[in-house]
Amino acid sequence: MENIHKNILHLEPSRGLLDDPNGLVQFNGKYYVFHQWNRFGLDHSYKEWGLFTSSDLLHWHYEGSAILPN
């Protein structure tokens, strides 16, 4: 079922809490945005790094987890 409340002008993961987007990086024609993410809930009890990528800054692809805590 499509989420009618999904943001279209802001980056948003498929679930969980997106927090502290940082480091817009451009490398070899591709843009990267890393962010803190809790994929298990909507609180700050867990954090890992998620990643969005784009080739044009308009259409973003959510890559999921980029760095997991150990």
C-alpha atoms as a PDB file:
ATOM      1  CA  MET A   1       0.000   0.000   0.000  1.00  0.00           C
ATOM      2  CA  GLU A   2       1.370   3.411  -0.937  1.00  0.00           C
ATOM      3  CA  ASN A   3       1.971   5.865   1.897  1.00  0.00           C
ATOM      4  CA  ILE A   4      -0.085   8.965   1.007  1.00  0.00           C
ATOM      5  CA  HIS A   5       1.833  10.967   3.642  1.00  0.00           C
ATOM      6  CA  LYS A   6       5.296  10.179   2.252  1.00  0.00           C
ATOM      7  CA  ASN A   7       7.469  13.239   1.722  1.00  0.00           C
ATOM      8  CA  ILE A   8       8.196  14.112  -1.890  1.00  0.00           C
ATOM      9  CA  LEU A   9      10.427  17.127  -1.273  1.00  0.00           C
ATOM     10  CA  HIS A  10      12.519  15.725   1.597  1.00  0.00           C
ATOM     11  CA  LEU A  11      14.560  12.554   1.967  1.00  0.00           C
ATOM     12  CA  GLU A  12      12.703   9.895   3.909  1.00  0.00           C
ATOM     13  CA  PRO A  13      13.561   6.229   4.562  1.00  0.00           C
ATOM     14  CA  SER A  14      10.909   3.552   4.137  1.00  0.00           C
ATOM     15  CA  ARG A  15      10.635   3.159   7.930  1.00  0.00           C
ATOM     16  CA  GLY A  16      12.154   4.331  11.185  1.00  0.00           C
ATOM     17  CA  LEU A  17      13.697   7.610  12.307  1.00  0.00           C
ATOM     18  CA  LEU A  18      15.964   9.647  10.041  1.00  0.00           C
ATOM     19  CA  ASP A  19      18.180  11.929  12.120  1.00  0.00           C
ATOM     20  CA  ASP A  20      21.093  14.263  11.475  1.00  0.00           C
ATOM     21  CA  PRO A  21      21.596  14.151   7.676  1.00  0.00           C
ATOM     22  CA  ASN A  22      25.159  15.126   6.919  1.00  0.00           C
ATOM     23  CA  GLY A  23      27.834  15.250   4.368  1.00  0.00           C
ATOM     24  CA  LEU A  24      26.341  15.810   0.971  1.00  0.00           C
ATOM     25  CA  VAL A  25      29.122  14.322  -1.159  1.00  0.00           C
ATOM     26  CA  GLN A  26      29.574  14.303  -4.931  1.00  0.00           C
ATOM     27  CA  PHE A  27      31.889  11.654  -6.384  1.00  0.00           C
ATOM     28  CA  ASN A  28      32.171  10.468  -9.992  1.00  0.00           C
ATOM     29  CA  GLY A  29      28.899  12.092 -11.023  1.00  0.00           C
ATOM     30  CA  LYS A  30      26.861  10.652  -8.161  1.00  0.00           C
ATOM     31  CA  TYR A  31      25.580  12.427  -5.034  1.00  0.00           C
ATOM     32  CA  TYR A  32      25.535  10.808  -1.583  1.00  0.00           C
ATOM     33  CA  VAL A  33      23.744  11.811   1.628  1.00  0.00           C
ATOM     34  CA  PHE A  34      24.544   9.885   4.801  1.00  0.00           C
ATOM     35  CA  HIS A  35      22.351  10.177   7.899  1.00  0.00           C
ATOM     36  CA  GLN A  36      21.836   8.690  11.331  1.00  0.00           C
ATOM     37  CA  TRP A  37      18.993   6.191  11.282  1.00  0.00           C
ATOM     38  CA  ASN A  38      16.990   4.017  13.649  1.00  0.00           C
ATOM     39  CA  ARG A  39      15.408   1.387  11.403  1.00  0.00           C
ATOM     40  CA  PHE A  40      13.732  -0.323  14.359  1.00  0.00           C
ATOM     41  CA  GLY A  41      11.699   2.543  15.806  1.00  0.00           C
ATOM     42  CA  LEU A  42      10.900   6.224  16.017  1.00  0.00           C
ATOM     43  CA  ASP A  43      13.163   7.022  18.959  1.00  0.00           C
ATOM     44  CA  HIS A  44      16.893   7.492  19.576  1.00  0.00           C
ATOM     45  CA  SER A  45      17.522   4.132  21.287  1.00  0.00           C
ATOM     46  CA  TYR A  46      19.527   2.757  18.328  1.00  0.00           C
ATOM     47  CA  LYS A  47      21.600   4.432  15.595  1.00  0.00           C
ATOM     48  CA  GLU A  48      23.313   3.369  12.415  1.00  0.00           C
ATOM     49  CA  TRP A  49      24.184   5.255   9.227  1.00  0.00           C
ATOM     50  CA  GLY A  50      21.817   5.165   6.251  1.00  0.00           C
ATOM     51  CA  LEU A  51      22.506   6.340   2.709  1.00  0.00           C
ATOM     52  CA  PHE A  52      20.632   8.037  -0.138  1.00  0.00           C
ATOM     53  CA  THR A  53      22.144   8.389  -3.637  1.00  0.00           C
ATOM     54  CA  SER A  54      21.196  10.473  -6.675  1.00  0.00           C
ATOM     55  CA  SER A  55      22.540  11.288 -10.104  1.00  0.00           C
ATOM     56  CA  ASP A  56      20.598  14.569 -10.482  1.00  0.00           C
ATOM     57  CA  LEU A  57      19.658  15.827  -6.960  1.00  0.00           C
ATOM     58  CA  LEU A  58      15.965  15.409  -7.853  1.00  0.00           C
ATOM     59  CA  HIS A  59      15.480  11.648  -7.880  1.00  0.00           C
ATOM     60  CA  TRP A  60      16.858   9.857  -4.833  1.00  0.00           C
ATOM     61  CA  HIS A  61      17.378   6.162  -4.204  1.00  0.00           C
ATOM     62  CA  TYR A  62      17.434   4.857  -0.645  1.00  0.00           C
ATOM     63  CA  GLU A  63      20.375   2.470  -0.297  1.00  0.00           C
ATOM     64  CA  GLY A  64      19.554   1.393   3.287  1.00  0.00           C
ATOM     65  CA  SER A  65      22.238   0.757   5.909  1.00  0.00           C
ATOM     66  CA  ALA A  66      25.710   2.027   5.091  1.00  0.00           C
ATOM     67  CA  ILE A  67      27.476   1.629   8.456  1.00  0.00           C
ATOM     68  CA  LEU A  68      26.310  -0.559  11.337  1.00  0.00           C
ATOM     69  CA  PRO A  69      27.413  -0.111  14.963  1.00  0.00           C
ATOM     70  CA  ASN A  70      29.621  -2.802  16.439  1.00  0.00           C
END
